[in-house]
Amino acid sequence: MAILLSTYCAGQDTPAAPPTEQKQASDQSGASPSAPPAPLPTPAITGPLQASPPINIEAGALGKYSLNGVVSGIGLFQNNPVPGNNTAEGAFSNAQLFFQKTDGWFQFYVQAGAYDIVSLGTPFISNATTNSDLYGPVPTVYAKLVPGKNTNILIGILPTIMGAE
């Protein structure tokens, strides 16, 4: 469990573009009201992978919610398994659902599912064992309070800050 308080000052170094330049930039983006929604910022997906547009759920006065997910699998064959492993194994490397609210003063993020972390030279561990022995079926969940323009308060099981550990 973690609590994170962050404040930031965005755009202090660069002046805002004049309104005419902003309008031209938005006209050139090609976005139209009927365009599909853009992928959500969390979780960050890089490299050759791309996130699909989320399923948006309008809940009236409760706001707008987004649902997305990923599924990938792994299979391996080996001729000299360690005791307890089979010569052929398979599992979900990721089967995750992401449910989140990304606007307003109260936001949240929930990531739930099954996963497997395979490492060379170690025994293969099933999805059930990985989920129970490592991060659990909900590896990331947090609430985000946005009391002001430049302040965020995050409470929950936060994602790692890659490279900053």
N, C-alpha and C. Protein backbone atom coordinates (compact mmCIF):
# COMPACT_ATOMS: atom_id res chain seq x y z
N MET A 1 0.85 -1.17 0.00
CA MET A 1 0.00 0.00 0.00
C MET A 1 0.89 1.22 0.00
N ALA A 2 0.54 2.22 -0.78
CA ALA A 2 1.36 3.41 -0.88
C ALA A 2 0.48 4.65 -1.02
N ILE A 3 1.02 5.76 -0.62
CA ILE A 3 0.37 7.05 -0.81
C ILE A 3 1.38 7.94 -1.52
N LEU A 4 0.95 8.60 -2.55
CA LEU A 4 1.83 9.48 -3.31
C LEU A 4 1.15 10.82 -3.46
N LEU A 5 1.87 11.88 -3.13
CA LEU A 5 1.38 13.24 -3.33
C LEU A 5 2.32 13.89 -4.32
N SER A 6 1.78 14.40 -5.40
CA SER A 6 2.65 15.05 -6.38
C SER A 6 2.04 16.36 -6.81
N THR A 7 2.90 17.33 -7.01
CA THR A 7 2.48 18.60 -7.59
C THR A 7 3.40 18.87 -8.76
N TYR A 8 2.91 19.57 -9.72
CA TYR A 8 3.73 19.87 -10.87
C TYR A 8 3.30 21.20 -11.46
N CYS A 9 4.19 21.82 -12.14
CA CYS A 9 3.92 23.08 -12.84
C CYS A 9 4.19 22.83 -14.31
N ALA A 10 3.15 22.66 -15.05
CA ALA A 10 3.29 22.37 -16.48
C ALA A 10 3.29 23.65 -17.28
N GLY A 11 4.11 23.67 -18.31
CA GLY A 11 4.09 24.78 -19.25
C GLY A 11 4.72 26.06 -18.75
N GLN A 12 5.54 26.02 -17.73
CA GLN A 12 6.17 27.22 -17.22
C GLN A 12 7.23 27.76 -18.15
N ASP A 13 7.87 26.89 -18.92
CA ASP A 13 8.98 27.32 -19.77
C ASP A 13 8.54 27.82 -21.14
N THR A 14 7.38 27.39 -21.59
CA THR A 14 6.96 27.76 -22.93
C THR A 14 5.65 28.54 -22.86
N PRO A 15 5.57 29.66 -23.59
CA PRO A 15 4.32 30.42 -23.59
C PRO A 15 3.24 29.66 -24.36
N ALA A 16 2.01 29.93 -24.00
CA ALA A 16 0.89 29.28 -24.69
C ALA A 16 0.79 29.83 -26.11
N ALA A 17 0.38 28.97 -27.03
CA ALA A 17 0.21 29.39 -28.42
C ALA A 17 -0.99 30.31 -28.53
N PRO A 18 -0.94 31.28 -29.43
CA PRO A 18 -2.10 32.14 -29.64
C PRO A 18 -3.31 31.31 -30.05
N PRO A 19 -4.53 31.81 -29.78
CA PRO A 19 -5.74 31.03 -30.09
C PRO A 19 -5.83 30.60 -31.54
N THR A 20 -5.37 31.42 -32.49
CA THR A 20 -5.47 31.03 -33.90
C THR A 20 -4.59 29.82 -34.19
N GLU A 21 -3.38 29.77 -33.57
CA GLU A 21 -2.50 28.61 -33.78
C GLU A 21 -3.10 27.36 -33.15
N GLN A 22 -3.74 27.52 -31.98
CA GLN A 22 -4.37 26.37 -31.33
C GLN A 22 -5.48 25.81 -32.20
N LYS A 23 -6.30 26.70 -32.79
CA LYS A 23 -7.39 26.24 -33.64
C LYS A 23 -6.85 25.52 -34.86
N GLN A 24 -5.80 26.08 -35.50
CA GLN A 24 -5.22 25.44 -36.67
C GLN A 24 -4.66 24.07 -36.32
N ALA A 25 -4.01 23.96 -35.16
CA ALA A 25 -3.45 22.67 -34.75
C ALA A 25 -4.55 21.65 -34.55
N SER A 26 -5.69 22.07 -33.94
CA SER A 26 -6.77 21.11 -33.72
C SER A 26 -7.45 20.75 -35.04
N ASP A 27 -7.51 21.71 -35.99
CA ASP A 27 -8.11 21.40 -37.29
C ASP A 27 -7.24 20.41 -38.07
N GLN A 28 -5.91 20.50 -37.92
CA GLN A 28 -5.01 19.63 -38.67
C GLN A 28 -4.90 18.24 -38.07
N SER A 29 -5.35 18.08 -36.82
CA SER A 29 -5.21 16.77 -36.17
C SER A 29 -6.11 15.73 -36.82
N GLY A 30 -7.16 16.19 -37.51
CA GLY A 30 -8.03 15.25 -38.19
C GLY A 30 -9.04 14.58 -37.27
N ALA A 31 -9.07 14.99 -36.00
CA ALA A 31 -10.02 14.38 -35.07
C ALA A 31 -11.42 14.89 -35.38
N SER A 32 -12.36 13.99 -35.40
CA SER A 32 -13.75 14.37 -35.61
C SER A 32 -14.58 13.77 -34.49
N PRO A 33 -15.77 14.31 -34.29
CA PRO A 33 -16.60 13.79 -33.20
C PRO A 33 -16.91 12.30 -33.35
N SER A 34 -16.87 11.75 -34.56
CA SER A 34 -17.19 10.34 -34.75
C SER A 34 -15.96 9.44 -34.71
N ALA A 35 -14.77 10.02 -34.48
CA ALA A 35 -13.54 9.22 -34.43
C ALA A 35 -13.55 8.34 -33.18
N PRO A 36 -12.96 7.15 -33.26
CA PRO A 36 -12.93 6.29 -32.07
C PRO A 36 -12.09 6.92 -30.97
N PRO A 37 -12.36 6.58 -29.71
CA PRO A 37 -11.58 7.15 -28.62
C PRO A 37 -10.13 6.70 -28.69
N ALA A 38 -9.24 7.56 -28.22
CA ALA A 38 -7.82 7.24 -28.20
C ALA A 38 -7.54 6.27 -27.06
N PRO A 39 -6.49 5.45 -27.19
CA PRO A 39 -6.12 4.57 -26.08
C PRO A 39 -5.84 5.39 -24.82
N LEU A 40 -6.10 4.81 -23.67
CA LEU A 40 -5.92 5.49 -22.40
C LEU A 40 -4.44 5.54 -22.02
N PRO A 41 -4.04 6.51 -21.20
CA PRO A 41 -2.63 6.65 -20.84
C PRO A 41 -2.12 5.56 -19.90
N THR A 42 -3.01 4.90 -19.20
CA THR A 42 -2.59 3.86 -18.25
C THR A 42 -3.27 2.56 -18.63
N PRO A 43 -2.56 1.47 -18.74
CA PRO A 43 -1.13 1.31 -18.56
C PRO A 43 -0.37 1.79 -19.79
N ALA A 44 0.86 2.19 -19.59
CA ALA A 44 1.69 2.63 -20.70
C ALA A 44 2.13 1.41 -21.51
N ILE A 45 1.92 1.44 -22.80
CA ILE A 45 2.32 0.33 -23.67
C ILE A 45 3.27 0.90 -24.71
N THR A 46 4.47 0.33 -24.80
CA THR A 46 5.47 0.85 -25.73
C THR A 46 5.94 -0.25 -26.66
N GLY A 47 6.82 0.14 -27.56
CA GLY A 47 7.38 -0.83 -28.49
C GLY A 47 6.44 -1.11 -29.64
N PRO A 48 6.49 -2.30 -30.19
CA PRO A 48 5.64 -2.60 -31.33
C PRO A 48 4.18 -2.84 -30.94
N LEU A 49 3.91 -2.98 -29.65
CA LEU A 49 2.54 -3.21 -29.20
C LEU A 49 1.74 -1.92 -29.21
N GLN A 50 0.43 -2.03 -29.42
CA GLN A 50 -0.46 -0.87 -29.37
C GLN A 50 -1.71 -1.24 -28.60
N ALA A 51 -2.19 -0.30 -27.80
CA ALA A 51 -3.43 -0.53 -27.07
C ALA A 51 -4.61 -0.24 -27.99
N SER A 52 -5.64 -1.01 -27.85
CA SER A 52 -6.85 -0.75 -28.63
C SER A 52 -7.66 0.35 -27.94
N PRO A 53 -8.54 1.01 -28.67
CA PRO A 53 -9.38 2.02 -28.03
C PRO A 53 -10.24 1.37 -26.95
N PRO A 54 -10.50 2.08 -25.86
CA PRO A 54 -11.27 1.50 -24.77
C PRO A 54 -12.77 1.46 -25.07
N ILE A 55 -13.47 0.69 -24.28
CA ILE A 55 -14.93 0.71 -24.29
C ILE A 55 -15.31 1.77 -23.28
N ASN A 56 -16.00 2.82 -23.72
CA ASN A 56 -16.41 3.90 -22.82
C ASN A 56 -17.81 3.63 -22.32
N ILE A 57 -17.99 3.83 -21.03
CA ILE A 57 -19.28 3.59 -20.38
C ILE A 57 -19.74 4.91 -19.79
N GLU A 58 -20.85 5.44 -20.29
CA GLU A 58 -21.41 6.67 -19.76
C GLU A 58 -22.35 6.31 -18.61
N ALA A 59 -22.08 6.85 -17.42
CA ALA A 59 -22.88 6.52 -16.24
C ALA A 59 -23.61 7.74 -15.70
N GLY A 60 -24.02 8.63 -16.59
CA GLY A 60 -24.80 9.80 -16.19
C GLY A 60 -24.05 10.68 -15.21
N ALA A 61 -24.67 10.92 -14.05
CA ALA A 61 -24.08 11.80 -13.03
C ALA A 61 -22.82 11.21 -12.42
N LEU A 62 -22.63 9.90 -12.54
CA LEU A 62 -21.43 9.26 -11.97
C LEU A 62 -20.20 9.44 -12.86
N GLY A 63 -20.37 9.91 -14.08
CA GLY A 63 -19.23 10.18 -14.96
C GLY A 63 -19.04 9.15 -16.04
N LYS A 64 -17.87 9.25 -16.67
CA LYS A 64 -17.51 8.36 -17.77
C LYS A 64 -16.43 7.39 -17.30
N TYR A 65 -16.62 6.12 -17.59
CA TYR A 65 -15.68 5.07 -17.21
C TYR A 65 -15.16 4.40 -18.48
N SER A 66 -13.96 3.84 -18.37
CA SER A 66 -13.36 3.17 -19.52
C SER A 66 -12.93 1.76 -19.14
N LEU A 67 -13.11 0.83 -20.08
CA LEU A 67 -12.74 -0.57 -19.89
C LEU A 67 -11.88 -1.00 -21.06
N ASN A 68 -10.79 -1.67 -20.75
CA ASN A 68 -9.89 -2.16 -21.78
C ASN A 68 -9.22 -3.42 -21.26
N GLY A 69 -8.42 -4.06 -22.06
CA GLY A 69 -7.73 -5.25 -21.61
C GLY A 69 -6.70 -5.73 -22.59
N VAL A 70 -5.91 -6.70 -22.15
CA VAL A 70 -4.90 -7.33 -22.99
C VAL A 70 -4.90 -8.83 -22.72
N VAL A 71 -4.58 -9.60 -23.74
CA VAL A 71 -4.44 -11.04 -23.58
C VAL A 71 -3.22 -11.48 -24.39
N SER A 72 -2.33 -12.21 -23.76
CA SER A 72 -1.21 -12.82 -24.48
C SER A 72 -0.89 -14.13 -23.80
N GLY A 73 -0.31 -15.02 -24.55
CA GLY A 73 0.00 -16.35 -24.01
C GLY A 73 1.43 -16.74 -24.29
N ILE A 74 1.85 -17.78 -23.59
CA ILE A 74 3.21 -18.29 -23.78
C ILE A 74 3.15 -19.81 -23.76
N GLY A 75 3.94 -20.40 -24.59
CA GLY A 75 4.07 -21.86 -24.61
C GLY A 75 5.55 -22.20 -24.70
N LEU A 76 5.92 -23.28 -24.05
CA LEU A 76 7.33 -23.67 -24.13
C LEU A 76 7.44 -25.19 -24.17
N PHE A 77 8.48 -25.62 -24.82
CA PHE A 77 8.81 -27.04 -24.92
C PHE A 77 10.25 -27.18 -24.47
N GLN A 78 10.51 -28.24 -23.71
CA GLN A 78 11.87 -28.45 -23.22
C GLN A 78 12.18 -29.94 -23.18
N ASN A 79 13.43 -30.27 -23.37
CA ASN A 79 13.79 -31.68 -23.37
C ASN A 79 14.42 -32.11 -22.04
N ASN A 80 14.68 -31.21 -21.15
CA ASN A 80 15.28 -31.55 -19.88
C ASN A 80 14.63 -30.73 -18.75
N PRO A 81 13.34 -30.99 -18.46
CA PRO A 81 12.65 -30.17 -17.46
C PRO A 81 13.15 -30.44 -16.04
N VAL A 82 13.03 -29.43 -15.20
CA VAL A 82 13.38 -29.61 -13.79
C VAL A 82 12.29 -30.47 -13.15
N PRO A 83 12.58 -31.13 -12.05
CA PRO A 83 11.57 -31.95 -11.38
C PRO A 83 10.32 -31.13 -11.05
N GLY A 84 9.17 -31.67 -11.39
CA GLY A 84 7.91 -30.99 -11.16
C GLY A 84 7.37 -30.28 -12.39
N ASN A 85 8.19 -30.08 -13.42
CA ASN A 85 7.74 -29.45 -14.66
C ASN A 85 7.52 -30.51 -15.72
N ASN A 86 6.73 -30.16 -16.72
CA ASN A 86 6.47 -31.04 -17.85
C ASN A 86 7.38 -30.66 -19.01
N THR A 87 7.41 -31.50 -20.02
CA THR A 87 8.20 -31.17 -21.21
C THR A 87 7.52 -30.08 -22.04
N ALA A 88 6.21 -29.90 -21.88
CA ALA A 88 5.48 -28.84 -22.56
C ALA A 88 4.62 -28.10 -21.54
N GLU A 89 4.68 -26.79 -21.55
CA GLU A 89 3.91 -25.95 -20.62
C GLU A 89 3.27 -24.82 -21.40
N GLY A 90 2.20 -24.28 -20.89
CA GLY A 90 1.55 -23.14 -21.50
C GLY A 90 0.75 -22.37 -20.47
N ALA A 91 0.62 -21.08 -20.68
CA ALA A 91 -0.12 -20.24 -19.74
C ALA A 91 -0.39 -18.88 -20.37
N PHE A 92 -1.23 -18.09 -19.71
CA PHE A 92 -1.37 -16.69 -20.07
C PHE A 92 -0.12 -15.97 -19.58
N SER A 93 0.55 -15.24 -20.44
CA SER A 93 1.60 -14.37 -19.93
C SER A 93 0.95 -13.10 -19.41
N ASN A 94 -0.19 -12.73 -19.97
CA ASN A 94 -1.02 -11.62 -19.48
C ASN A 94 -2.45 -11.84 -19.91
N ALA A 95 -3.36 -11.73 -19.00
CA ALA A 95 -4.79 -11.68 -19.28
C ALA A 95 -5.33 -10.67 -18.28
N GLN A 96 -5.32 -9.42 -18.67
CA GLN A 96 -5.61 -8.33 -17.75
C GLN A 96 -6.78 -7.48 -18.24
N LEU A 97 -7.59 -7.02 -17.29
CA LEU A 97 -8.64 -6.03 -17.55
C LEU A 97 -8.24 -4.74 -16.87
N PHE A 98 -8.49 -3.61 -17.53
CA PHE A 98 -8.22 -2.30 -16.97
C PHE A 98 -9.53 -1.53 -16.90
N PHE A 99 -9.91 -1.10 -15.72
CA PHE A 99 -11.14 -0.33 -15.52
C PHE A 99 -10.73 0.96 -14.85
N GLN A 100 -11.14 2.10 -15.44
CA GLN A 100 -10.67 3.36 -14.89
C GLN A 100 -11.60 4.52 -15.19
N LYS A 101 -11.45 5.54 -14.36
CA LYS A 101 -12.12 6.82 -14.55
C LYS A 101 -11.01 7.84 -14.62
N THR A 102 -10.91 8.58 -15.74
CA THR A 102 -9.75 9.45 -15.98
C THR A 102 -10.08 10.93 -15.98
N ASP A 103 -11.26 11.31 -15.51
CA ASP A 103 -11.56 12.73 -15.45
C ASP A 103 -12.26 13.07 -14.15
N GLY A 104 -12.35 14.35 -13.85
CA GLY A 104 -12.98 14.81 -12.62
C GLY A 104 -12.01 14.87 -11.45
N TRP A 105 -12.50 15.30 -10.29
CA TRP A 105 -11.64 15.43 -9.11
C TRP A 105 -11.36 14.09 -8.46
N PHE A 106 -12.23 13.07 -8.68
CA PHE A 106 -12.00 11.72 -8.17
C PHE A 106 -11.82 10.80 -9.36
N GLN A 107 -10.66 10.15 -9.44
CA GLN A 107 -10.35 9.22 -10.51
C GLN A 107 -9.87 7.92 -9.88
N PHE A 108 -9.91 6.84 -10.65
CA PHE A 108 -9.39 5.58 -10.14
C PHE A 108 -8.90 4.71 -11.27
N TYR A 109 -8.15 3.68 -10.90
CA TYR A 109 -7.60 2.72 -11.86
C TYR A 109 -7.58 1.34 -11.18
N VAL A 110 -8.10 0.33 -11.86
CA VAL A 110 -8.08 -1.04 -11.37
C VAL A 110 -7.54 -1.93 -12.48
N GLN A 111 -6.52 -2.71 -12.17
CA GLN A 111 -5.97 -3.70 -13.10
C GLN A 111 -6.12 -5.07 -12.45
N ALA A 112 -6.80 -5.97 -13.11
CA ALA A 112 -7.05 -7.29 -12.53
C ALA A 112 -6.91 -8.36 -13.60
N GLY A 113 -6.47 -9.56 -13.17
CA GLY A 113 -6.37 -10.66 -14.11
C GLY A 113 -5.34 -11.68 -13.71
N ALA A 114 -4.87 -12.42 -14.70
CA ALA A 114 -3.88 -13.47 -14.51
C ALA A 114 -2.63 -13.13 -15.30
N TYR A 115 -1.49 -13.56 -14.80
CA TYR A 115 -0.24 -13.28 -15.47
C TYR A 115 0.76 -14.36 -15.12
N ASP A 116 1.85 -14.42 -15.87
CA ASP A 116 2.92 -15.36 -15.59
C ASP A 116 4.24 -14.69 -15.93
N ILE A 117 5.22 -14.92 -15.14
CA ILE A 117 6.54 -14.33 -15.36
C ILE A 117 7.51 -15.49 -15.54
N VAL A 118 7.91 -15.71 -16.78
CA VAL A 118 8.79 -16.82 -17.09
C VAL A 118 10.22 -16.30 -17.13
N SER A 119 11.12 -17.02 -16.48
CA SER A 119 12.52 -16.61 -16.44
C SER A 119 13.40 -17.79 -16.84
N LEU A 120 14.37 -17.53 -17.67
CA LEU A 120 15.28 -18.56 -18.14
C LEU A 120 16.04 -19.19 -16.97
N GLY A 121 16.09 -20.50 -16.95
CA GLY A 121 16.85 -21.21 -15.92
C GLY A 121 16.09 -21.46 -14.64
N THR A 122 14.81 -21.10 -14.60
CA THR A 122 14.00 -21.35 -13.40
C THR A 122 12.83 -22.25 -13.76
N PRO A 123 12.27 -22.94 -12.79
CA PRO A 123 11.11 -23.80 -13.08
C PRO A 123 9.92 -22.97 -13.58
N PHE A 124 9.11 -23.57 -14.41
CA PHE A 124 7.89 -22.92 -14.90
C PHE A 124 6.88 -22.89 -13.76
N ILE A 125 6.24 -21.77 -13.56
CA ILE A 125 5.24 -21.62 -12.49
C ILE A 125 3.89 -21.32 -13.15
N SER A 126 2.84 -21.98 -12.71
CA SER A 126 1.52 -21.79 -13.30
C SER A 126 0.95 -20.42 -12.98
N ASN A 127 -0.10 -20.02 -13.73
CA ASN A 127 -0.77 -18.75 -13.47
C ASN A 127 -1.31 -18.68 -12.04
N ALA A 128 -1.93 -19.75 -11.58
CA ALA A 128 -2.51 -19.75 -10.24
C ALA A 128 -1.44 -19.53 -9.17
N THR A 129 -0.31 -20.21 -9.31
CA THR A 129 0.78 -20.04 -8.34
C THR A 129 1.39 -18.66 -8.43
N THR A 130 1.60 -18.17 -9.65
CA THR A 130 2.15 -16.82 -9.82
C THR A 130 1.24 -15.79 -9.18
N ASN A 131 -0.07 -15.87 -9.45
CA ASN A 131 -1.00 -14.91 -8.87
C ASN A 131 -1.03 -14.97 -7.35
N SER A 132 -1.01 -16.17 -6.78
CA SER A 132 -1.10 -16.26 -5.32
C SER A 132 0.21 -15.94 -4.63
N ASP A 133 1.35 -16.27 -5.25
CA ASP A 133 2.64 -16.07 -4.59
C ASP A 133 3.29 -14.71 -4.87
N LEU A 134 2.89 -14.03 -5.92
CA LEU A 134 3.54 -12.76 -6.25
C LEU A 134 2.62 -11.58 -5.93
N TYR A 135 2.00 -10.97 -6.93
CA TYR A 135 1.28 -9.71 -6.74
C TYR A 135 -0.22 -9.86 -6.55
N GLY A 136 -0.74 -11.06 -6.66
CA GLY A 136 -2.18 -11.27 -6.51
C GLY A 136 -2.93 -10.99 -7.80
N PRO A 137 -4.24 -11.28 -7.82
CA PRO A 137 -5.02 -11.09 -9.03
C PRO A 137 -5.32 -9.61 -9.34
N VAL A 138 -5.04 -8.72 -8.38
CA VAL A 138 -5.20 -7.28 -8.61
C VAL A 138 -3.86 -6.61 -8.28
N PRO A 139 -2.92 -6.62 -9.24
CA PRO A 139 -1.59 -6.10 -8.95
C PRO A 139 -1.51 -4.58 -8.82
N THR A 140 -2.47 -3.87 -9.40
CA THR A 140 -2.47 -2.41 -9.32
C THR A 140 -3.90 -1.91 -9.13
N VAL A 141 -4.11 -1.10 -8.10
CA VAL A 141 -5.41 -0.45 -7.87
C VAL A 141 -5.15 0.80 -7.06
N TYR A 142 -5.69 1.91 -7.51
CA TYR A 142 -5.51 3.14 -6.74
C TYR A 142 -6.63 4.13 -7.02
N ALA A 143 -6.80 5.04 -6.06
CA ALA A 143 -7.69 6.17 -6.21
C ALA A 143 -6.81 7.40 -6.39
N LYS A 144 -7.27 8.31 -7.22
CA LYS A 144 -6.51 9.53 -7.48
C LYS A 144 -7.42 10.71 -7.21
N LEU A 145 -7.02 11.54 -6.26
CA LEU A 145 -7.76 12.76 -5.95
C LEU A 145 -7.04 13.92 -6.61
N VAL A 146 -7.80 14.76 -7.28
CA VAL A 146 -7.22 15.91 -7.98
C VAL A 146 -7.86 17.17 -7.40
N PRO A 147 -7.33 17.65 -6.24
CA PRO A 147 -7.96 18.81 -5.60
C PRO A 147 -7.68 20.13 -6.30
N GLY A 148 -6.64 20.19 -7.10
CA GLY A 148 -6.31 21.43 -7.82
C GLY A 148 -5.70 21.12 -9.16
N LYS A 149 -5.45 22.17 -9.92
CA LYS A 149 -4.92 22.00 -11.28
C LYS A 149 -3.56 21.31 -11.29
N ASN A 150 -2.71 21.59 -10.32
CA ASN A 150 -1.34 21.07 -10.33
C ASN A 150 -1.05 20.10 -9.19
N THR A 151 -2.06 19.49 -8.61
CA THR A 151 -1.86 18.59 -7.47
C THR A 151 -2.62 17.28 -7.68
N ASN A 152 -1.95 16.16 -7.39
CA ASN A 152 -2.56 14.83 -7.43
C ASN A 152 -2.22 14.12 -6.14
N ILE A 153 -3.17 13.37 -5.61
CA ILE A 153 -2.94 12.51 -4.45
C ILE A 153 -3.37 11.11 -4.86
N LEU A 154 -2.43 10.16 -4.86
CA LEU A 154 -2.72 8.78 -5.24
C LEU A 154 -2.61 7.91 -4.00
N ILE A 155 -3.62 7.04 -3.80
CA ILE A 155 -3.64 6.14 -2.65
C ILE A 155 -3.99 4.75 -3.17
N GLY A 156 -3.18 3.76 -2.82
CA GLY A 156 -3.48 2.39 -3.23
C GLY A 156 -2.23 1.59 -3.52
N ILE A 157 -2.39 0.55 -4.31
CA ILE A 157 -1.29 -0.28 -4.78
C ILE A 157 -0.86 0.33 -6.11
N LEU A 158 0.20 1.14 -6.06
CA LEU A 158 0.61 1.93 -7.21
C LEU A 158 1.52 1.15 -8.14
N PRO A 159 1.50 1.49 -9.44
CA PRO A 159 2.45 0.85 -10.37
C PRO A 159 3.85 1.35 -10.05
N THR A 160 4.84 0.56 -10.44
CA THR A 160 6.22 0.99 -10.21
C THR A 160 6.57 2.15 -11.14
N ILE A 161 7.55 2.90 -10.73
CA ILE A 161 8.10 3.94 -11.59
C ILE A 161 9.34 3.34 -12.19
N MET A 162 9.23 2.79 -13.38
CA MET A 162 10.31 2.04 -13.99
C MET A 162 11.60 2.85 -14.04
N GLY A 163 12.66 2.26 -13.52
CA GLY A 163 13.96 2.88 -13.55
C GLY A 163 14.25 3.78 -12.37
N ALA A 164 13.24 4.09 -11.55
CA ALA A 164 13.45 5.00 -10.42
C ALA A 164 13.58 4.26 -9.09
N GLU A 165 13.52 2.93 -9.11
CA GLU A 165 13.61 2.19 -7.86
C GLU A 165 15.01 2.28 -7.28
